Protein backbone atom coordinates (compact mmCIF):
# COMPACT_ATOMS: atom_id res chain seq x y z
CA MET A 1 -11.26 87.47 50.56
CA ALA A 2 -9.75 84.96 52.95
CA PHE A 3 -7.91 83.00 50.29
CA ARG A 4 -6.30 86.01 48.58
CA LYS A 5 -3.40 86.06 51.01
CA TYR A 6 -2.32 82.61 49.77
CA LEU A 7 -1.75 83.73 46.21
CA TYR A 8 1.60 85.38 46.82
CA LEU A 9 3.08 83.22 49.54
CA ALA A 10 6.82 82.92 49.34
CA PHE A 11 7.82 79.66 47.77
CA LEU A 12 8.94 76.79 49.96
CA PRO A 13 12.60 76.86 51.06
CA ALA A 14 15.07 74.33 49.77
CA PHE A 15 15.20 71.05 51.62
CA ALA A 16 17.84 70.98 54.34
CA GLY A 17 19.27 67.67 53.09
CA ALA A 18 19.37 68.59 49.40
CA GLN A 19 22.11 66.77 47.48
CA PRO A 20 24.04 69.06 45.10
CA LEU A 21 24.24 67.87 41.53
CA ASP A 22 28.05 68.16 41.48
CA SER A 23 28.40 65.68 44.34
CA LEU A 24 26.16 63.19 42.52
CA VAL A 25 28.23 63.59 39.35
CA ASP A 26 31.43 62.86 41.31
CA GLU A 27 29.80 59.78 42.80
CA ALA A 28 28.71 58.55 39.37
CA LEU A 29 32.20 59.00 37.95
CA ARG A 30 33.58 56.89 40.80
CA ASN A 31 30.98 54.15 40.97
CA ASN A 32 29.03 53.82 37.72
CA ARG A 33 29.64 50.38 36.24
CA GLU A 34 29.33 51.51 32.62
CA ILE A 35 32.17 53.94 33.20
CA LEU A 36 34.29 51.37 35.01
CA ALA A 37 33.71 48.80 32.27
CA ALA A 38 34.71 51.33 29.58
CA GLN A 39 37.80 52.23 31.58
CA LYS A 40 38.88 48.59 31.83
CA LYS A 41 38.23 48.14 28.12
CA TYR A 42 40.61 51.04 27.43
CA GLU A 43 43.22 49.70 29.85
CA SER A 44 42.99 46.37 28.06
CA ALA A 45 43.41 48.02 24.65
CA ARG A 46 46.52 49.86 25.89
CA GLN A 47 48.27 46.50 26.23
CA ARG A 48 47.95 45.70 22.53
CA PRO A 49 50.50 48.07 20.89
CA PRO A 50 53.53 46.45 22.59
CA GLN A 51 52.23 43.04 21.54
CA ALA A 52 51.55 44.08 17.96
CA SER A 53 54.97 45.68 17.46
CA SER A 54 56.97 42.85 19.04
CA LEU A 55 58.81 40.13 17.21
CA ALA A 56 57.36 36.63 17.16
CA ASP A 57 58.77 34.28 19.79
CA PRO A 58 62.00 32.59 18.67
CA THR A 59 62.07 28.86 17.99
CA VAL A 60 64.67 26.53 19.51
CA SER A 61 65.21 23.21 17.74
CA LEU A 62 67.08 20.29 19.38
CA GLY A 63 68.04 17.25 17.36
CA TYR A 64 70.57 14.71 16.29
CA SER A 65 71.72 12.80 13.23
CA SER A 66 72.91 9.22 13.74
CA VAL A 67 74.65 6.64 11.50
CA LEU A 68 74.04 2.88 11.51
CA TYR A 69 71.77 2.99 14.58
CA PRO A 70 68.72 5.21 15.30
CA TRP A 71 69.55 6.26 18.87
CA PRO A 72 71.27 9.57 19.73
CA GLY A 73 75.05 9.60 19.40
CA ALA A 74 75.31 6.57 17.14
CA GLY A 75 78.34 7.10 14.93
CA LEU A 76 79.28 10.32 16.75
CA GLY A 77 83.01 11.06 16.29
CA ARG A 78 83.39 8.41 13.58
CA GLU A 79 80.97 9.50 10.91
CA VAL A 80 80.99 13.05 9.56
CA THR A 81 77.22 13.09 9.27
CA ALA A 82 76.61 12.06 12.90
CA ASN A 83 76.02 14.98 15.27
CA VAL A 84 73.98 16.34 18.16
CA GLY A 85 73.03 19.99 18.04
CA ALA A 86 70.63 22.89 18.50
CA MET A 87 69.30 25.64 16.27
CA VAL A 88 67.60 28.96 17.07
CA SER A 89 65.23 30.54 14.53
CA GLN A 90 63.69 34.01 14.55
CA GLU A 91 60.96 35.18 12.20
CA MET A 92 61.63 38.74 10.99
CA PRO A 93 58.97 40.89 9.27
CA PHE A 94 60.06 43.16 6.48
CA PRO A 95 61.36 46.48 7.92
CA GLY A 96 58.51 48.84 8.74
CA LYS A 97 55.78 46.24 9.27
CA ARG A 98 56.27 46.00 13.04
CA THR A 99 56.01 49.79 13.35
CA LEU A 100 52.80 49.83 11.32
CA ARG A 101 51.23 47.06 13.43
CA GLY A 102 52.11 48.93 16.60
CA GLU A 103 50.67 52.18 15.25
CA ILE A 104 47.43 50.42 14.20
CA ALA A 105 47.00 48.97 17.70
CA ALA A 106 47.81 52.39 19.22
CA LYS A 107 45.11 54.07 17.11
CA GLU A 108 42.62 51.42 18.20
CA ALA A 109 43.59 52.05 21.83
CA ASP A 110 43.22 55.82 21.32
CA ALA A 111 39.75 55.29 19.82
CA THR A 112 38.85 53.11 22.82
CA PHE A 113 39.92 55.93 25.13
CA ASP A 114 37.67 58.37 23.26
CA GLN A 115 34.83 55.86 23.59
CA TYR A 116 35.53 55.75 27.33
CA LEU A 117 35.25 59.54 27.47
CA ALA A 118 31.99 59.31 25.52
CA VAL A 119 30.60 56.84 28.07
CA ARG A 120 31.53 59.23 30.89
CA LEU A 121 29.74 62.08 29.12
CA SER A 122 26.70 59.89 28.45
CA VAL A 123 26.38 58.79 32.08
CA VAL A 124 26.84 62.33 33.41
CA SER A 125 24.34 63.68 30.88
CA ARG A 126 21.73 61.06 31.81
CA LEU A 127 22.32 61.77 35.49
CA LYS A 128 21.86 65.51 34.99
CA GLN A 129 18.73 64.99 32.92
CA ALA A 130 17.25 62.68 35.55
CA TYR A 131 18.22 65.13 38.30
CA HIS A 132 16.49 68.06 36.61
CA GLU A 133 13.43 65.95 35.80
CA LEU A 134 13.38 64.89 39.48
CA HIS A 135 13.68 68.55 40.41
CA HIS A 136 10.72 69.39 38.15
CA ASP A 137 8.58 66.64 39.66
CA THR A 138 9.54 67.71 43.19
CA VAL A 139 8.67 71.35 42.51
CA SER A 140 5.44 70.30 40.78
CA VAL A 141 4.42 68.33 43.86
CA ALA A 142 5.07 71.43 45.97
CA PHE A 143 3.08 73.59 43.52
CA VAL A 144 0.11 71.23 43.52
CA LYS A 145 0.07 70.99 47.30
CA ARG A 146 0.31 74.78 47.51
CA TYR A 147 -2.64 75.26 45.18
CA GLN A 148 -4.62 72.55 46.87
CA ASP A 149 -4.40 74.66 50.04
CA ILE A 150 -5.59 77.70 48.12
CA LEU A 151 -8.39 75.69 46.53
CA ARG A 152 -9.56 74.51 49.95
CA ASN A 153 -10.07 78.15 50.88
CA ILE A 154 -11.88 78.80 47.60
CA ILE A 155 -14.17 75.84 48.30
CA SER A 156 -14.81 77.09 51.83
CA VAL A 157 -15.73 80.54 50.55
CA SER A 158 -17.89 79.06 47.77
CA GLU A 159 -19.73 76.83 50.21
CA ALA A 160 -20.31 79.77 52.55
CA ARG A 161 -21.67 81.90 49.69
CA TYR A 162 -23.82 79.00 48.51
CA THR A 163 -25.51 78.74 51.92
CA VAL A 164 -26.65 82.33 51.57
CA SER A 165 -27.53 81.84 47.88
CA HIS A 166 -24.74 84.12 46.60
CA THR A 167 -23.24 81.41 44.38
CA ALA A 168 -24.53 78.47 42.37
CA GLN A 169 -24.10 74.90 43.56
CA GLN A 170 -22.26 74.05 40.32
CA ASP A 171 -19.49 76.47 41.37
CA VAL A 172 -18.89 74.43 44.49
CA PHE A 173 -18.92 71.20 42.44
CA LYS A 174 -16.45 72.63 39.93
CA ALA A 175 -14.01 73.64 42.66
CA GLN A 176 -14.32 70.23 44.31
CA THR A 177 -13.70 68.50 40.97
CA GLN A 178 -10.57 70.54 40.41
CA PHE A 179 -9.37 69.57 43.88
CA SER A 180 -9.69 65.91 42.86
CA ILE A 181 -7.84 66.65 39.60
CA PHE A 182 -5.04 68.21 41.64
CA GLN A 183 -4.92 64.98 43.62
CA THR A 184 -4.47 62.92 40.44
CA GLN A 185 -1.69 65.28 39.30
CA LEU A 186 -0.05 64.92 42.68
CA LEU A 187 -0.03 61.14 42.39
CA ARG A 188 1.41 61.32 38.87
CA TYR A 189 4.22 63.68 39.88
CA GLU A 190 5.05 61.56 42.92
CA GLN A 191 5.24 58.43 40.77
CA GLN A 192 7.50 60.21 38.25
CA ARG A 193 9.67 61.43 41.11
CA THR A 194 10.06 57.86 42.38
CA SER A 195 11.00 56.67 38.86
CA LYS A 196 13.70 59.34 38.58
CA GLU A 197 15.08 58.46 42.02
CA ILE A 198 15.38 54.84 40.89
CA GLU A 199 17.12 55.92 37.67
CA ILE A 200 19.59 58.06 39.62
CA ASP A 201 20.29 55.20 42.05
CA VAL A 202 21.11 52.94 39.10
CA LEU A 203 23.46 55.52 37.55
CA LEU A 204 25.20 55.92 40.93
CA ASN A 205 25.37 52.13 41.41
CA ARG A 206 23.43 52.47 44.65
CA GLN A 207 20.98 50.14 46.24
CA ALA A 208 17.60 51.76 46.82
CA MET A 209 18.45 54.66 49.10
CA GLY A 210 15.03 56.24 49.47
CA PRO A 211 14.12 59.81 48.52
CA ILE A 212 16.76 62.03 46.89
CA GLU A 213 16.34 65.60 48.06
CA VAL A 214 16.92 68.40 45.57
CA PRO A 215 17.01 72.18 46.03
CA LEU A 216 13.69 73.68 45.03
CA ASP A 217 15.17 76.90 43.66
CA MET A 218 17.03 76.36 40.38
CA GLU A 219 17.30 79.21 37.89
CA PRO A 220 17.82 78.51 34.18
CA GLY A 221 20.81 80.81 33.60
CA ASP A 222 22.03 81.70 30.10
CA LEU A 223 23.89 79.69 27.48
CA PRO A 224 27.56 80.72 27.73
CA ALA A 225 28.46 79.84 24.13
CA THR A 226 26.98 80.52 20.74
CA LEU A 227 25.76 77.78 18.42
CA ASP A 228 28.77 78.25 16.12
CA GLU A 229 31.16 77.92 19.07
CA MET A 230 29.49 74.68 20.14
CA LEU A 231 29.55 73.28 16.60
CA SER A 232 33.23 74.12 16.26
CA HIS A 233 34.09 72.63 19.64
CA ALA A 234 32.17 69.43 18.88
CA ARG A 235 33.93 68.93 15.54
CA THR A 236 37.36 69.03 17.20
CA GLN A 237 36.73 67.91 20.80
CA ALA A 238 33.66 65.66 20.97
CA PRO A 239 34.90 62.16 21.97
CA LEU A 240 32.78 60.29 19.42
CA MET A 241 34.14 62.47 16.61
CA ALA A 242 37.67 61.95 17.92
CA ALA A 243 37.09 58.17 17.97
CA ALA A 244 35.80 58.28 14.38
CA ARG A 245 38.91 60.23 13.31
CA LYS A 246 41.15 57.66 15.00
CA MET A 247 39.42 54.89 13.06
CA VAL A 248 40.08 56.74 9.79
CA GLN A 249 43.75 57.04 10.74
CA ARG A 250 43.76 53.38 11.73
CA GLY A 251 42.32 52.50 8.30
CA GLU A 252 45.08 54.45 6.55
CA LEU A 253 47.73 52.55 8.50
CA ALA A 254 46.02 49.20 7.81
CA ALA A 255 46.00 49.95 4.07
CA ASN A 256 49.72 50.79 4.24
CA LEU A 257 50.38 47.52 6.09
CA ALA A 258 48.47 45.56 3.43
CA ARG A 259 50.67 47.13 0.75
CA ALA A 260 53.76 46.32 2.82
CA ASP A 261 52.71 42.66 2.83
CA LEU A 262 53.84 42.54 -0.81
CA LYS A 263 57.36 42.68 0.59
CA PRO A 264 58.80 39.40 1.88
CA ASP A 265 59.25 38.43 5.51
CA TYR A 266 62.17 36.19 6.38
CA THR A 267 63.45 33.84 9.07
CA LEU A 268 66.99 33.88 10.48
CA SER A 269 68.34 30.59 11.82
CA GLY A 270 71.64 29.66 13.47
CA GLY A 271 72.85 26.40 15.04
CA TYR A 272 75.67 24.49 16.68
CA PHE A 273 76.28 20.76 16.09
CA ASN A 274 78.63 18.62 18.19
CA GLN A 275 80.42 15.86 16.21
CA GLY A 276 82.23 14.15 19.03
CA GLY A 277 85.97 14.06 18.44
CA MET A 278 85.64 15.88 15.17
CA ALA A 279 85.51 19.66 14.81
CA PRO A 280 82.08 21.11 15.69
CA MET A 281 79.81 22.28 12.88
CA TRP A 282 78.04 25.68 12.74
CA GLN A 283 75.12 26.60 10.55
CA PHE A 284 73.44 29.87 9.56
CA ARG A 285 70.44 30.17 7.28
CA VAL A 286 68.02 32.76 5.90
CA ASP A 287 64.56 31.57 4.81
CA VAL A 288 62.63 34.11 2.72
CA LYS A 289 58.84 33.93 2.52
CA LEU A 290 57.99 34.82 -1.06
CA PRO A 291 54.62 36.62 -1.62
CA ALA A 292 54.15 34.55 -4.77
CA TRP A 293 50.36 34.59 -4.83
CA SER A 294 49.77 38.26 -5.61
CA SER A 295 46.00 37.75 -5.86
CA LYS A 296 45.95 37.14 -2.12
CA GLN A 297 47.89 40.32 -1.30
CA ASN A 298 45.95 42.40 -3.82
CA ALA A 299 42.66 41.23 -2.30
CA GLU A 300 43.94 42.19 1.15
CA ILE A 301 44.90 45.65 -0.12
CA SER A 302 41.46 46.11 -1.70
CA GLU A 303 39.78 44.98 1.52
CA GLN A 304 41.67 47.55 3.59
CA VAL A 305 41.08 50.32 1.05
CA PHE A 306 37.33 49.63 1.18
CA ALA A 307 37.49 49.55 4.99
CA LEU A 308 39.26 52.91 4.95
CA SER A 309 36.55 54.34 2.67
CA GLU A 310 33.92 53.00 5.07
CA ALA A 311 35.66 54.67 8.02
CA ARG A 312 35.76 58.00 6.18
CA HIS A 313 32.06 57.77 5.29
CA ASN A 314 31.25 56.88 8.91
CA TYR A 315 33.18 59.92 10.08
CA GLU A 316 31.37 62.22 7.66
CA ALA A 317 27.99 60.73 8.62
CA ALA A 318 28.78 61.10 12.33
CA ASP A 319 29.80 64.71 11.78
CA LEU A 320 26.57 65.57 9.94
CA THR A 321 24.42 63.75 12.51
CA LEU A 322 26.19 65.40 15.41
CA GLN A 323 25.91 68.88 13.89
CA ALA A 324 22.17 68.36 13.30
CA GLN A 325 21.62 67.11 16.86
CA ILE A 326 23.48 70.08 18.33
CA ARG A 327 21.46 72.53 16.23
CA GLU A 328 18.20 70.89 17.29
CA VAL A 329 19.03 70.72 21.01
CA TYR A 330 20.51 74.23 21.03
CA SER A 331 17.28 75.51 19.47
CA MET A 332 15.26 73.73 22.16
CA ALA A 333 17.43 75.26 24.92
CA GLU A 334 17.22 78.71 23.38
CA THR A 335 13.44 78.46 22.97
CA SER A 336 12.93 77.24 26.54
CA ARG A 337 15.07 80.09 27.84
CA LYS A 338 12.99 82.65 25.94
CA LEU A 339 9.74 81.07 27.13
CA VAL A 340 10.92 81.25 30.74
CA ASP A 341 11.50 84.98 30.37
CA LEU A 342 8.16 85.44 28.63
CA TYR A 343 6.27 83.55 31.33
CA GLU A 344 8.08 85.18 34.25
CA LYS A 345 8.13 88.74 32.95
CA SER A 346 4.82 88.91 31.16
CA VAL A 347 2.39 85.99 31.19
CA ILE A 348 2.38 85.11 34.89
CA PRO A 349 2.36 88.71 36.23
CA GLU A 350 -0.52 89.56 33.87
CA ALA A 351 -2.39 86.38 34.87
CA LYS A 352 -1.98 87.24 38.54
CA LEU A 353 -3.24 90.77 37.94
CA ALA A 354 -6.26 89.36 36.12
CA LEU A 355 -6.90 87.05 39.06
CA GLU A 356 -6.59 89.90 41.55
CA SER A 357 -8.98 92.02 39.50
CA SER A 358 -11.51 89.21 39.20
CA LEU A 359 -11.31 88.56 42.93
CA ALA A 360 -12.14 92.20 43.64
CA SER A 361 -15.07 92.08 41.21
CA TYR A 362 -16.25 88.78 42.70
CA GLN A 363 -16.32 90.32 46.17
CA THR A 364 -18.56 93.13 44.96
CA GLY A 365 -20.82 90.71 43.13
CA SER A 366 -20.09 92.12 39.66
CA LEU A 367 -18.34 88.94 38.42
CA ASP A 368 -19.35 85.31 38.68
CA PHE A 369 -17.34 82.52 40.29
CA LEU A 370 -16.44 80.77 37.00
CA ALA A 371 -14.45 83.80 35.81
CA VAL A 372 -12.50 83.87 39.07
CA PHE A 373 -11.92 80.12 38.90
CA SER A 374 -10.76 80.34 35.28
CA ASN A 375 -8.21 83.06 36.17
CA PHE A 376 -7.04 81.00 39.14
CA MET A 377 -6.43 77.95 36.93
CA ASN A 378 -4.55 80.11 34.42
CA VAL A 379 -2.10 81.10 37.15
CA VAL A 380 -1.71 77.45 38.19
CA ASP A 381 -1.10 76.27 34.61
CA TYR A 382 1.35 79.03 33.77
CA GLU A 383 3.44 78.47 36.89
CA LEU A 384 3.69 74.75 36.11
CA MET A 385 4.50 75.57 32.48
CA VAL A 386 7.33 77.93 33.37
CA HIS A 387 8.98 75.35 35.55
CA GLU A 388 8.58 72.73 32.85
CA GLU A 389 10.46 75.08 30.50
CA ILE A 390 13.18 75.55 33.15
CA MET A 391 13.49 71.76 33.31
CA GLN A 392 13.60 71.47 29.50
CA PHE A 393 16.32 74.12 29.39
CA HIS A 394 18.53 72.24 31.86
CA VAL A 395 17.87 68.90 30.13
CA SER A 396 18.89 70.45 26.80
CA VAL A 397 22.07 71.84 28.34
CA ALA A 398 22.94 68.37 29.68
CA LYS A 399 22.44 66.93 26.18
CA LEU A 400 24.62 69.68 24.67
CA GLU A 401 27.42 68.80 27.09
CA GLU A 402 27.29 65.19 25.93
CA LEU A 403 27.12 66.10 22.24
CA THR A 404 29.85 68.76 22.24
CA GLY A 405 32.18 67.51 24.97
CA MET A 406 32.02 71.06 26.37
CA GLU A 407 31.47 71.74 30.06
CA ILE A 408 28.67 74.30 30.21
CA LYS A 409 28.62 76.45 33.32
CA LEU A 410 25.39 78.39 33.79
């Protein structure tokens, strides 16, 4: 039949202006505002350790003592209690406290850096997911248009056979209805494609740039790592897990600092006093801050111990959640990969053979149009299904990269 030649047309070539995914990822890493904000947050946090480990600013005191009259210098040189002088005071924490404060701020900065890495992974993962969903919608548009062309030929043949009473009028109506259904699918895929282009523009911090071209040919590949390897890598390398570990370490240091607050801080002071014609007077003093109210310090220790326990529980919960998510997404990727093979190696070839056979029988008049049409729609559905599984596989891989912190090359 005239439309049989359309069934095995080579698929459309990739668009000439297709934008590689890697180039879009590089652009997102340079321009995405979430990433830039997280980077500045980390750079801000890096400035805290030197502040936390520094001494408090010294205090300079200027003053005078006068005799008989209240103005400066009254009685200077005549009275031993009259003087004009200056003192410098420096608060000193108990040894070890400054180091602990600096280490706490450093752990917080390290956790902020891991959060920055997590934001990068999240943005890249969302970009890759949107890109592959855009790819699926683009290919689906091409599929629908391709099968609309084939269906036009089927309708033409059906109409020609109807005029000579070789086919029922309902066959023509059914083919025309399916053509309209294809048109609704086409509109839906085009709308989804536009939505994904908008999402990608936002992730790239672009103004609306119009259509984003993608290559039409994109094979699924194979997962390069086992589930156990991904679970192990995530436990040690995933940024969110690393950030949770840093917060546990930060909690341990904060508890140690609270215990150290039971030890007294002190203030060193030294001064020079001019007494006019008399010999100058020098003064040195140590003021010790006594932690006399132990209930205050004990409450602070308890607070930090509870906070440390919270951080440990959060880490354990994050680990369990992450492991479960990886198992789930890995299973989805593995299943999609198997379904792609099943469709491509078995289901679609068999469906095409069934269609070819029914076409031959239809030509000889031994099979009705509905059987041919049903086999035709099976081929259409299966080809759309296989590409949906290819898309799901790539989306799952993008999620695994975010969850594990592992770069997955297919």
